[in-house]
Amino acid sequence: MSRSRALSPQALAVVAALADSHEWRHGYDLMAQAGVKSGTLYPLLMRLEAQGMLQARWVDSPEPGRPPRHVYKLTPAGRDWVVSLADSLAPLRTPAAALRSAKGRT
């Protein structure tokens, strides 16, 4: 993916949070890990999905009566993009993610 401008610190934090796992992630979890507000997170997630870097889908809530929620994860193209951002993301990766990467379980 070619970009005409650098990612903001908030965008880098969200991408780092997404890169920490191959699992589907809820927006609230991403907000908490990346330290960004919903007004920053959700437009960013929509842009990343539109660019093909991210998948999104609805999942039913495990709690009866609660509405379905969106979950997100990087696409293969998104993972390749993250590799190209490795130097920018390194300071933002969580210690647990670094340990998983070292063990080969990213």
PDB file of N, CA and C in Angstrom:
ATOM      1  N   MET A   1       0.846  -1.179   0.000  1.00  0.00           N
ATOM      2  CA  MET A   1       0.000   0.000   0.000  1.00  0.00           C
ATOM      3  C   MET A   1       0.883   1.231   0.000  1.00  0.00           C
ATOM      4  N   SER A   2       0.692   2.107  -0.925  1.00  0.00           N
ATOM      5  CA  SER A   2       1.471   3.337  -0.932  1.00  0.00           C
ATOM      6  C   SER A   2       0.639   4.442  -0.302  1.00  0.00           C
ATOM      7  N   ARG A   3       1.298   5.239   0.482  1.00  0.00           N
ATOM      8  CA  ARG A   3       0.615   6.322   1.181  1.00  0.00           C
ATOM      9  C   ARG A   3       1.297   7.617   0.817  1.00  0.00           C
ATOM     10  N   SER A   4       0.518   8.667   0.717  1.00  0.00           N
ATOM     11  CA  SER A   4       1.086   9.957   0.371  1.00  0.00           C
ATOM     12  C   SER A   4       1.565  10.716   1.605  1.00  0.00           C
ATOM     13  N   ARG A   5       1.180  10.248   2.778  1.00  0.00           N
ATOM     14  CA  ARG A   5       1.620  10.929   3.999  1.00  0.00           C
ATOM     15  C   ARG A   5       1.840   9.900   5.092  1.00  0.00           C
ATOM     16  N   ALA A   6       2.574  10.313   6.104  1.00  0.00           N
ATOM     17  CA  ALA A   6       2.887   9.412   7.215  1.00  0.00           C
ATOM     18  C   ALA A   6       1.650   9.194   8.078  1.00  0.00           C
ATOM     19  N   LEU A   7       1.624   8.038   8.731  1.00  0.00           N
ATOM     20  CA  LEU A   7       0.523   7.749   9.652  1.00  0.00           C
ATOM     21  C   LEU A   7       0.676   8.572  10.921  1.00  0.00           C
ATOM     22  N   SER A   8      -0.462   8.973  11.488  1.00  0.00           N
ATOM     23  CA  SER A   8      -0.451   9.698  12.749  1.00  0.00           C
ATOM     24  C   SER A   8      -0.037   8.750  13.872  1.00  0.00           C
ATOM     25  N   PRO A   9       0.391   9.290  15.009  1.00  0.00           N
ATOM     26  CA  PRO A   9       0.714   8.429  16.145  1.00  0.00           C
ATOM     27  C   PRO A   9      -0.480   7.563  16.573  1.00  0.00           C
ATOM     28  N   GLN A  10      -1.696   8.109  16.481  1.00  0.00           N
ATOM     29  CA  GLN A  10      -2.880   7.343  16.846  1.00  0.00           C
ATOM     30  C   GLN A  10      -3.099   6.186  15.869  1.00  0.00           C
ATOM     31  N   ALA A  11      -2.926   6.455  14.578  1.00  0.00           N
ATOM     32  CA  ALA A  11      -3.081   5.398  13.572  1.00  0.00           C
ATOM     33  C   ALA A  11      -2.026   4.317  13.764  1.00  0.00           C
ATOM     34  N   LEU A  12      -0.804   4.724  14.045  1.00  0.00           N
ATOM     35  CA  LEU A  12       0.257   3.741  14.305  1.00  0.00           C
ATOM     36  C   LEU A  12      -0.077   2.884  15.523  1.00  0.00           C
ATOM     37  N   ALA A  13      -0.642   3.494  16.554  1.00  0.00           N
ATOM     38  CA  ALA A  13      -1.005   2.743  17.764  1.00  0.00           C
ATOM     39  C   ALA A  13      -2.094   1.718  17.458  1.00  0.00           C
ATOM     40  N   VAL A  14      -3.063   2.079  16.629  1.00  0.00           N
ATOM     41  CA  VAL A  14      -4.138   1.153  16.272  1.00  0.00           C
ATOM     42  C   VAL A  14      -3.585   0.016  15.420  1.00  0.00           C
ATOM     43  N   VAL A  15      -2.737   0.342  14.452  1.00  0.00           N
ATOM     44  CA  VAL A  15      -2.137  -0.687  13.602  1.00  0.00           C
ATOM     45  C   VAL A  15      -1.283  -1.629  14.445  1.00  0.00           C
ATOM     46  N   ALA A  16      -0.547  -1.091  15.401  1.00  0.00           N
ATOM     47  CA  ALA A  16       0.260  -1.939  16.290  1.00  0.00           C
ATOM     48  C   ALA A  16      -0.640  -2.868  17.099  1.00  0.00           C
ATOM     49  N   ALA A  17      -1.767  -2.362  17.576  1.00  0.00           N
ATOM     50  CA  ALA A  17      -2.700  -3.198  18.341  1.00  0.00           C
ATOM     51  C   ALA A  17      -3.275  -4.306  17.466  1.00  0.00           C
ATOM     52  N   LEU A  18      -3.615  -3.987  16.233  1.00  0.00           N
ATOM     53  CA  LEU A  18      -4.116  -5.002  15.306  1.00  0.00           C
ATOM     54  C   LEU A  18      -3.048  -6.040  14.987  1.00  0.00           C
ATOM     55  N   ALA A  19      -1.809  -5.595  14.891  1.00  0.00           N
ATOM     56  CA  ALA A  19      -0.705  -6.491  14.535  1.00  0.00           C
ATOM     57  C   ALA A  19      -0.342  -7.438  15.673  1.00  0.00           C
ATOM     58  N   ASP A  20      -0.793  -7.130  16.874  1.00  0.00           N
ATOM     59  CA  ASP A  20      -0.462  -7.961  18.032  1.00  0.00           C
ATOM     60  C   ASP A  20      -1.113  -9.335  17.990  1.00  0.00           C
ATOM     61  N   SER A  21      -2.099  -9.528  17.117  1.00  0.00           N
ATOM     62  CA  SER A  21      -2.834 -10.789  17.136  1.00  0.00           C
ATOM     63  C   SER A  21      -3.391 -11.103  15.753  1.00  0.00           C
ATOM     64  N   HIS A  22      -3.528 -12.378  15.461  1.00  0.00           N
ATOM     65  CA  HIS A  22      -4.210 -12.816  14.240  1.00  0.00           C
ATOM     66  C   HIS A  22      -5.693 -13.038  14.519  1.00  0.00           C
ATOM     67  N   GLU A  23      -6.118 -12.840  15.752  1.00  0.00           N
ATOM     68  CA  GLU A  23      -7.503 -13.055  16.159  1.00  0.00           C
ATOM     69  C   GLU A  23      -8.353 -11.838  15.803  1.00  0.00           C
ATOM     70  N   TRP A  24      -9.665 -12.055  15.724  1.00  0.00           N
ATOM     71  CA  TRP A  24     -10.607 -10.954  15.549  1.00  0.00           C
ATOM     72  C   TRP A  24     -10.604 -10.104  16.815  1.00  0.00           C
ATOM     73  N   ARG A  25     -10.633  -8.785  16.652  1.00  0.00           N
ATOM     74  CA  ARG A  25     -10.587  -7.858  17.794  1.00  0.00           C
ATOM     75  C   ARG A  25     -11.797  -6.942  17.777  1.00  0.00           C
ATOM     76  N   HIS A  26     -12.366  -6.694  18.937  1.00  0.00           N
ATOM     77  CA  HIS A  26     -13.471  -5.744  19.097  1.00  0.00           C
ATOM     78  C   HIS A  26     -12.906  -4.328  19.125  1.00  0.00           C
ATOM     79  N   GLY A  27     -13.693  -3.384  18.629  1.00  0.00           N
ATOM     80  CA  GLY A  27     -13.266  -1.987  18.627  1.00  0.00           C
ATOM     81  C   GLY A  27     -12.920  -1.486  20.014  1.00  0.00           C
ATOM     82  N   TYR A  28     -13.717  -1.881  21.013  1.00  0.00           N
ATOM     83  CA  TYR A  28     -13.453  -1.423  22.375  1.00  0.00           C
ATOM     84  C   TYR A  28     -12.083  -1.904  22.848  1.00  0.00           C
ATOM     85  N   ASP A  29     -11.736  -3.143  22.530  1.00  0.00           N
ATOM     86  CA  ASP A  29     -10.424  -3.672  22.909  1.00  0.00           C
ATOM     87  C   ASP A  29      -9.302  -2.895  22.221  1.00  0.00           C
ATOM     88  N   LEU A  30      -9.506  -2.587  20.933  1.00  0.00           N
ATOM     89  CA  LEU A  30      -8.503  -1.818  20.194  1.00  0.00           C
ATOM     90  C   LEU A  30      -8.362  -0.414  20.778  1.00  0.00           C
ATOM     91  N   MET A  31      -9.500   0.192  21.137  1.00  0.00           N
ATOM     92  CA  MET A  31      -9.475   1.523  21.746  1.00  0.00           C
ATOM     93  C   MET A  31      -8.655   1.522  23.028  1.00  0.00           C
ATOM     94  N   ALA A  32      -8.912   0.516  23.861  1.00  0.00           N
ATOM     95  CA  ALA A  32      -8.213   0.428  25.146  1.00  0.00           C
ATOM     96  C   ALA A  32      -6.719   0.184  24.946  1.00  0.00           C
ATOM     97  N   GLN A  33      -6.357  -0.742  24.062  1.00  0.00           N
ATOM     98  CA  GLN A  33      -4.945  -1.047  23.865  1.00  0.00           C
ATOM     99  C   GLN A  33      -4.196   0.097  23.188  1.00  0.00           C
ATOM    100  N   ALA A  34      -4.826   0.721  22.192  1.00  0.00           N
ATOM    101  CA  ALA A  34      -4.156   1.783  21.446  1.00  0.00           C
ATOM    102  C   ALA A  34      -4.227   3.127  22.155  1.00  0.00           C
ATOM    103  N   GLY A  35      -5.150   3.260  23.101  1.00  0.00           N
ATOM    104  CA  GLY A  35      -5.284   4.533  23.810  1.00  0.00           C
ATOM    105  C   GLY A  35      -5.864   5.639  22.944  1.00  0.00           C
ATOM    106  N   VAL A  36      -6.785   5.282  22.049  1.00  0.00           N
ATOM    107  CA  VAL A  36      -7.423   6.286  21.196  1.00  0.00           C
ATOM    108  C   VAL A  36      -8.914   6.335  21.497  1.00  0.00           C
ATOM    109  N   LYS A  37      -9.533   7.429  21.131  1.00  0.00           N
ATOM    110  CA  LYS A  37     -10.974   7.598  21.344  1.00  0.00           C
ATOM    111  C   LYS A  37     -11.747   7.036  20.157  1.00  0.00           C
ATOM    112  N   SER A  38     -13.024   6.750  20.390  1.00  0.00           N
ATOM    113  CA  SER A  38     -13.852   6.148  19.347  1.00  0.00           C
ATOM    114  C   SER A  38     -13.955   7.034  18.107  1.00  0.00           C
ATOM    115  N   GLY A  39     -13.945   8.338  18.288  1.00  0.00           N
ATOM    116  CA  GLY A  39     -14.021   9.261  17.156  1.00  0.00           C
ATOM    117  C   GLY A  39     -12.795   9.215  16.267  1.00  0.00           C
ATOM    118  N   THR A  40     -11.701   8.697  16.787  1.00  0.00           N
ATOM    119  CA  THR A  40     -10.488   8.489  16.007  1.00  0.00           C
ATOM    120  C   THR A  40     -10.457   7.064  15.467  1.00  0.00           C
ATOM    121  N   LEU A  41     -10.816   6.107  16.308  1.00  0.00           N
ATOM    122  CA  LEU A  41     -10.688   4.694  15.957  1.00  0.00           C
ATOM    123  C   LEU A  41     -11.584   4.278  14.802  1.00  0.00           C
ATOM    124  N   TYR A  42     -12.870   4.517  14.902  1.00  0.00           N
ATOM    125  CA  TYR A  42     -13.797   3.954  13.916  1.00  0.00           C
ATOM    126  C   TYR A  42     -13.619   4.528  12.511  1.00  0.00           C
ATOM    127  N   PRO A  43     -13.385   5.820  12.339  1.00  0.00           N
ATOM    128  CA  PRO A  43     -13.072   6.296  10.978  1.00  0.00           C
ATOM    129  C   PRO A  43     -11.789   5.659  10.430  1.00  0.00           C
ATOM    130  N   LEU A  44     -10.797   5.465  11.285  1.00  0.00           N
ATOM    131  CA  LEU A  44      -9.554   4.822  10.859  1.00  0.00           C
ATOM    132  C   LEU A  44      -9.819   3.384  10.428  1.00  0.00           C
ATOM    133  N   LEU A  45     -10.592   2.643  11.215  1.00  0.00           N
ATOM    134  CA  LEU A  45     -10.915   1.265  10.864  1.00  0.00           C
ATOM    135  C   LEU A  45     -11.669   1.202   9.537  1.00  0.00           C
ATOM    136  N   MET A  46     -12.578   2.122   9.309  1.00  0.00           N
ATOM    137  CA  MET A  46     -13.320   2.151   8.041  1.00  0.00           C
ATOM    138  C   MET A  46     -12.383   2.423   6.861  1.00  0.00           C
ATOM    139  N   ARG A  47     -11.429   3.361   7.046  1.00  0.00           N
ATOM    140  CA  ARG A  47     -10.469   3.649   5.974  1.00  0.00           C
ATOM    141  C   ARG A  47      -9.593   2.437   5.682  1.00  0.00           C
ATOM    142  N   LEU A  48      -9.101   1.774   6.746  1.00  0.00           N
ATOM    143  CA  LEU A  48      -8.253   0.597   6.552  1.00  0.00           C
ATOM    144  C   LEU A  48      -9.019  -0.526   5.856  1.00  0.00           C
ATOM    145  N   GLU A  49     -10.289  -0.690   6.196  1.00  0.00           N
ATOM    146  CA  GLU A  49     -11.098  -1.709   5.525  1.00  0.00           C
ATOM    147  C   GLU A  49     -11.297  -1.347   4.053  1.00  0.00           C
ATOM    148  N   ALA A  50     -11.588  -0.094   3.766  1.00  0.00           N
ATOM    149  CA  ALA A  50     -11.785   0.354   2.381  1.00  0.00           C
ATOM    150  C   ALA A  50     -10.513   0.179   1.551  1.00  0.00           C
ATOM    151  N   GLN A  51      -9.352   0.291   2.195  1.00  0.00           N
ATOM    152  CA  GLN A  51      -8.071   0.137   1.494  1.00  0.00           C
ATOM    153  C   GLN A  51      -7.637  -1.319   1.384  1.00  0.00           C
ATOM    154  N   GLY A  52      -8.422  -2.237   1.950  1.00  0.00           N
ATOM    155  CA  GLY A  52      -8.107  -3.658   1.863  1.00  0.00           C
ATOM    156  C   GLY A  52      -7.101  -4.142   2.893  1.00  0.00           C
ATOM    157  N   MET A  53      -6.799  -3.324   3.877  1.00  0.00           N
ATOM    158  CA  MET A  53      -5.828  -3.693   4.909  1.00  0.00           C
ATOM    159  C   MET A  53      -6.479  -4.424   6.078  1.00  0.00           C
ATOM    160  N   LEU A  54      -7.786  -4.357   6.160  1.00  0.00           N
ATOM    161  CA  LEU A  54      -8.507  -4.830   7.327  1.00  0.00           C
ATOM    162  C   LEU A  54      -9.790  -5.535   6.898  1.00  0.00           C
ATOM    163  N   GLN A  55     -10.145  -6.579   7.626  1.00  0.00           N
ATOM    164  CA  GLN A  55     -11.436  -7.247   7.466  1.00  0.00           C
ATOM    165  C   GLN A  55     -12.304  -6.838   8.645  1.00  0.00           C
ATOM    166  N   ALA A  56     -13.594  -6.730   8.395  1.00  0.00           N
ATOM    167  CA  ALA A  56     -14.553  -6.452   9.472  1.00  0.00           C
ATOM    168  C   ALA A  56     -15.747  -7.369   9.274  1.00  0.00           C
ATOM    169  N   ARG A  57     -16.322  -7.809  10.378  1.00  0.00           N
ATOM    170  CA  ARG A  57     -17.537  -8.615  10.305  1.00  0.00           C
ATOM    171  C   ARG A  57     -18.331  -8.417  11.584  1.00  0.00           C
ATOM    172  N   TRP A  58     -19.600  -8.753  11.520  1.00  0.00           N
ATOM    173  CA  TRP A  58     -20.479  -8.688  12.673  1.00  0.00           C
ATOM    174  C   TRP A  58     -20.453 -10.022  13.390  1.00  0.00           C
ATOM    175  N   VAL A  59     -20.469  -9.986  14.720  1.00  0.00           N
ATOM    176  CA  VAL A  59     -20.610 -11.203  15.526  1.00  0.00           C
ATOM    177  C   VAL A  59     -21.711 -10.961  16.553  1.00  0.00           C
ATOM    178  N   ASP A  60     -22.454 -12.016  16.833  1.00  0.00           N
ATOM    179  CA  ASP A  60     -23.491 -11.920  17.859  1.00  0.00           C
ATOM    180  C   ASP A  60     -22.838 -11.795  19.225  1.00  0.00           C
ATOM    181  N   SER A  61     -23.491 -11.060  20.092  1.00  0.00           N
ATOM    182  CA  SER A  61     -23.008 -10.913  21.460  1.00  0.00           C
ATOM    183  C   SER A  61     -23.260 -12.209  22.224  1.00  0.00           C
ATOM    184  N   PRO A  62     -22.310 -12.603  23.069  1.00  0.00           N
ATOM    185  CA  PRO A  62     -22.554 -13.790  23.888  1.00  0.00           C
ATOM    186  C   PRO A  62     -23.601 -13.536  24.978  1.00  0.00           C
ATOM    187  N   GLU A  63     -23.913 -12.272  25.228  1.00  0.00           N
ATOM    188  CA  GLU A  63     -24.896 -11.912  26.243  1.00  0.00           C
ATOM    189  C   GLU A  63     -26.261 -11.703  25.588  1.00  0.00           C
ATOM    190  N   PRO A  64     -27.279 -12.433  26.019  1.00  0.00           N
ATOM    191  CA  PRO A  64     -28.613 -12.272  25.428  1.00  0.00           C
ATOM    192  C   PRO A  64     -29.107 -10.827  25.541  1.00  0.00           C
ATOM    193  N   GLY A  65     -29.752 -10.360  24.480  1.00  0.00           N
ATOM    194  CA  GLY A  65     -30.311  -9.019  24.482  1.00  0.00           C
ATOM    195  C   GLY A  65     -29.340  -7.934  24.088  1.00  0.00           C
ATOM    196  N   ARG A  66     -28.064  -8.270  23.925  1.00  0.00           N
ATOM    197  CA  ARG A  66     -27.064  -7.269  23.514  1.00  0.00           C
ATOM    198  C   ARG A  66     -26.958  -7.282  21.995  1.00  0.00           C
ATOM    199  N   PRO A  67     -26.719  -6.135  21.387  1.00  0.00           N
ATOM    200  CA  PRO A  67     -26.641  -6.091  19.918  1.00  0.00           C
ATOM    201  C   PRO A  67     -25.349  -6.753  19.405  1.00  0.00           C
ATOM    202  N   PRO A  68     -25.343  -7.150  18.130  1.00  0.00           N
ATOM    203  CA  PRO A  68     -24.110  -7.684  17.540  1.00  0.00           C
ATOM    204  C   PRO A  68     -23.030  -6.601  17.533  1.00  0.00           C
ATOM    205  N   ARG A  69     -21.785  -7.042  17.449  1.00  0.00           N
ATOM    206  CA  ARG A  69     -20.651  -6.110  17.450  1.00  0.00           C
ATOM    207  C   ARG A  69     -19.766  -6.379  16.246  1.00  0.00           C
ATOM    208  N   HIS A  70     -19.095  -5.329  15.792  1.00  0.00           N
ATOM    209  CA  HIS A  70     -18.102  -5.478  14.735  1.00  0.00           C
ATOM    210  C   HIS A  70     -16.806  -6.001  15.347  1.00  0.00           C
ATOM    211  N   VAL A  71     -16.135  -6.871  14.623  1.00  0.00           N
ATOM    212  CA  VAL A  71     -14.795  -7.311  14.994  1.00  0.00           C
ATOM    213  C   VAL A  71     -13.900  -7.087  13.786  1.00  0.00           C
ATOM    214  N   TYR A  72     -12.603  -6.962  14.043  1.00  0.00           N
ATOM    215  CA  TYR A  72     -11.652  -6.557  13.007  1.00  0.00           C
ATOM    216  C   TYR A  72     -10.387  -7.395  13.090  1.00  0.00           C
ATOM    217  N   LYS A  73      -9.758  -7.611  11.923  1.00  0.00           N
ATOM    218  CA  LYS A  73      -8.409  -8.169  11.889  1.00  0.00           C
ATOM    219  C   LYS A  73      -7.764  -7.787  10.573  1.00  0.00           C
ATOM    220  N   LEU A  74      -6.444  -7.827  10.558  1.00  0.00           N
ATOM    221  CA  LEU A  74      -5.695  -7.483   9.356  1.00  0.00           C
ATOM    222  C   LEU A  74      -5.874  -8.545   8.284  1.00  0.00           C
ATOM    223  N   THR A  75      -5.931  -8.114   7.034  1.00  0.00           N
ATOM    224  CA  THR A  75      -5.937  -9.025   5.898  1.00  0.00           C
ATOM    225  C   THR A  75      -4.487  -9.449   5.629  1.00  0.00           C
ATOM    226  N   PRO A  76      -4.270 -10.432   4.753  1.00  0.00           N
ATOM    227  CA  PRO A  76      -2.876 -10.742   4.375  1.00  0.00           C
ATOM    228  C   PRO A  76      -2.144  -9.517   3.821  1.00  0.00           C
ATOM    229  N   ALA A  77      -2.825  -8.706   3.015  1.00  0.00           N
ATOM    230  CA  ALA A  77      -2.192  -7.473   2.513  1.00  0.00           C
ATOM    231  C   ALA A  77      -1.883  -6.528   3.663  1.00  0.00           C
ATOM    232  N   GLY A  78      -2.766  -6.470   4.656  1.00  0.00           N
ATOM    233  CA  GLY A  78      -2.533  -5.636   5.831  1.00  0.00           C
ATOM    234  C   GLY A  78      -1.335  -6.109   6.631  1.00  0.00           C
ATOM    235  N   ARG A  79      -1.178  -7.420   6.743  1.00  0.00           N
ATOM    236  CA  ARG A  79      -0.014  -7.977   7.454  1.00  0.00           C
ATOM    237  C   ARG A  79       1.275  -7.628   6.714  1.00  0.00           C
ATOM    238  N   ASP A  80       1.254  -7.704   5.372  1.00  0.00           N
ATOM    239  CA  ASP A  80       2.425  -7.312   4.587  1.00  0.00           C
ATOM    240  C   ASP A  80       2.737  -5.830   4.808  1.00  0.00           C
ATOM    241  N   TRP A  81       1.699  -5.022   4.853  1.00  0.00           N
ATOM    242  CA  TRP A  81       1.861  -3.589   5.086  1.00  0.00           C
ATOM    243  C   TRP A  81       2.487  -3.337   6.455  1.00  0.00           C
ATOM    244  N   VAL A  82       2.032  -4.093   7.468  1.00  0.00           N
ATOM    245  CA  VAL A  82       2.577  -3.953   8.818  1.00  0.00           C
ATOM    246  C   VAL A  82       4.080  -4.263   8.820  1.00  0.00           C
ATOM    247  N   VAL A  83       4.493  -5.273   8.057  1.00  0.00           N
ATOM    248  CA  VAL A  83       5.913  -5.601   7.973  1.00  0.00           C
ATOM    249  C   VAL A  83       6.696  -4.403   7.438  1.00  0.00           C
ATOM    250  N   SER A  84       6.117  -3.702   6.464  1.00  0.00           N
ATOM    251  CA  SER A  84       6.799  -2.524   5.912  1.00  0.00           C
ATOM    252  C   SER A  84       6.862  -1.372   6.918  1.00  0.00           C
ATOM    253  N   LEU A  85       6.000  -1.417   7.933  1.00  0.00           N
ATOM    254  CA  LEU A  85       5.974  -0.374   8.968  1.00  0.00           C
ATOM    255  C   LEU A  85       6.732  -0.789  10.227  1.00  0.00           C
ATOM    256  N   ALA A  86       7.452  -1.887  10.175  1.00  0.00           N
ATOM    257  CA  ALA A  86       8.056  -2.477  11.379  1.00  0.00           C
ATOM    258  C   ALA A  86       8.840  -1.474  12.217  1.00  0.00           C
ATOM    259  N   ASP A  87       9.649  -0.644  11.595  1.00  0.00           N
ATOM    260  CA  ASP A  87      10.459   0.313  12.363  1.00  0.00           C
ATOM    261  C   ASP A  87       9.580   1.324  13.101  1.00  0.00           C
ATOM    262  N   SER A  88       8.493   1.747  12.463  1.00  0.00           N
ATOM    263  CA  SER A  88       7.591   2.711  13.096  1.00  0.00           C
ATOM    264  C   SER A  88       6.764   2.081  14.207  1.00  0.00           C
ATOM    265  N   LEU A  89       6.447   0.789  14.058  1.00  0.00           N
ATOM    266  CA  LEU A  89       5.576   0.123  15.020  1.00  0.00           C
ATOM    267  C   LEU A  89       6.321  -0.455  16.213  1.00  0.00           C
ATOM    268  N   ALA A  90       7.615  -0.723  16.078  1.00  0.00           N
ATOM    269  CA  ALA A  90       8.365  -1.401  17.135  1.00  0.00           C
ATOM    270  C   ALA A  90       8.182  -0.764  18.514  1.00  0.00           C
ATOM    271  N   PRO A  91       8.264   0.547  18.657  1.00  0.00           N
ATOM    272  CA  PRO A  91       8.102   1.124  20.005  1.00  0.00           C
ATOM    273  C   PRO A  91       6.679   0.998  20.556  1.00  0.00           C
ATOM    274  N   LEU A  92       5.709   0.703  19.696  1.00  0.00           N
ATOM    275  CA  LEU A  92       4.313   0.660  20.120  1.00  0.00           C
ATOM    276  C   LEU A  92       3.814  -0.736  20.429  1.00  0.00           C
ATOM    277  N   ARG A  93       4.571  -1.759  20.069  1.00  0.00           N
ATOM    278  CA  ARG A  93       4.127  -3.140  20.284  1.00  0.00           C
ATOM    279  C   ARG A  93       4.168  -3.443  21.769  1.00  0.00           C
ATOM    280  N   THR A  94       3.198  -4.207  22.238  1.00  0.00           N
ATOM    281  CA  THR A  94       3.131  -4.552  23.654  1.00  0.00           C
ATOM    282  C   THR A  94       4.197  -5.591  23.986  1.00  0.00           C
ATOM    283  N   PRO A  95       4.660  -5.643  25.227  1.00  0.00           N
ATOM    284  CA  PRO A  95       5.645  -6.660  25.605  1.00  0.00           C
ATOM    285  C   PRO A  95       5.138  -8.078  25.344  1.00  0.00           C
ATOM    286  N   ALA A  96       3.847  -8.331  25.561  1.00  0.00           N
ATOM    287  CA  ALA A  96       3.298  -9.673  25.318  1.00  0.00           C
ATOM    288  C   ALA A  96       3.381 -10.020  23.828  1.00  0.00           C
ATOM    289  N   ALA A  97       3.120  -9.052  22.973  1.00  0.00           N
ATOM    290  CA  ALA A  97       3.197  -9.306  21.540  1.00  0.00           C
ATOM    291  C   ALA A  97       4.641  -9.583  21.117  1.00  0.00           C
ATOM    292  N   ALA A  98       5.562  -8.835  21.687  1.00  0.00           N
ATOM    293  CA  ALA A  98       6.965  -9.060  21.367  1.00  0.00           C
ATOM    294  C   ALA A  98       7.385 -10.477  21.794  1.00  0.00           C
ATOM    295  N   LEU A  99       6.908 -10.932  22.935  1.00  0.00           N
ATOM    296  CA  LEU A  99       7.226 -12.269  23.403  1.00  0.00           C
ATOM    297  C   LEU A  99       6.630 -13.329  22.483  1.00  0.00           C
ATOM    298  N   ARG A 100       5.365 -13.137  22.047  1.00  0.00           N
ATOM    299  CA  ARG A 100       4.740 -14.084  21.111  1.00  0.00           C
ATOM    300  C   ARG A 100       5.517 -14.130  19.816  1.00  0.00           C
ATOM    301  N   SER A 101       5.947 -12.958  19.308  1.00  0.00           N
ATOM    302  CA  SER A 101       6.712 -12.907  18.073  1.00  0.00           C
ATOM    303  C   SER A 101       8.021 -13.647  18.228  1.00  0.00           C
ATOM    304  N   ALA A 102       8.672 -13.490  19.351  1.00  0.00           N
ATOM    305  CA  ALA A 102       9.955 -14.151  19.591  1.00  0.00           C
ATOM    306  C   ALA A 102       9.783 -15.651  19.629  1.00  0.00           C
ATOM    307  N   LYS A 103       8.621 -16.117  20.086  1.00  0.00           N
ATOM    308  CA  LYS A 103       8.345 -17.551  20.149  1.00  0.00           C
ATOM    309  C   LYS A 103       7.760 -18.069  18.854  1.00  0.00           C
ATOM    310  N   GLY A 104       7.548 -17.167  17.860  1.00  0.00           N
ATOM    311  CA  GLY A 104       7.009 -17.581  16.580  1.00  0.00           C
ATOM    312  C   GLY A 104       5.510 -17.795  16.569  1.00  0.00           C
ATOM    313  N   ARG A 105       4.784 -17.185  17.504  1.00  0.00           N
ATOM    314  CA  ARG A 105       3.333 -17.342  17.585  1.00  0.00           C
ATOM    315  C   ARG A 105       2.629 -16.020  17.400  1.00  0.00           C
ATOM    316  N   THR A 106       2.943 -15.244  16.389  1.00  0.00           N
ATOM    317  CA  THR A 106       2.304 -13.952  16.201  1.00  0.00           C
ATOM    318  C   THR A 106       0.891 -14.042  15.873  1.00  0.00           C
TER     319      THR A 106
END
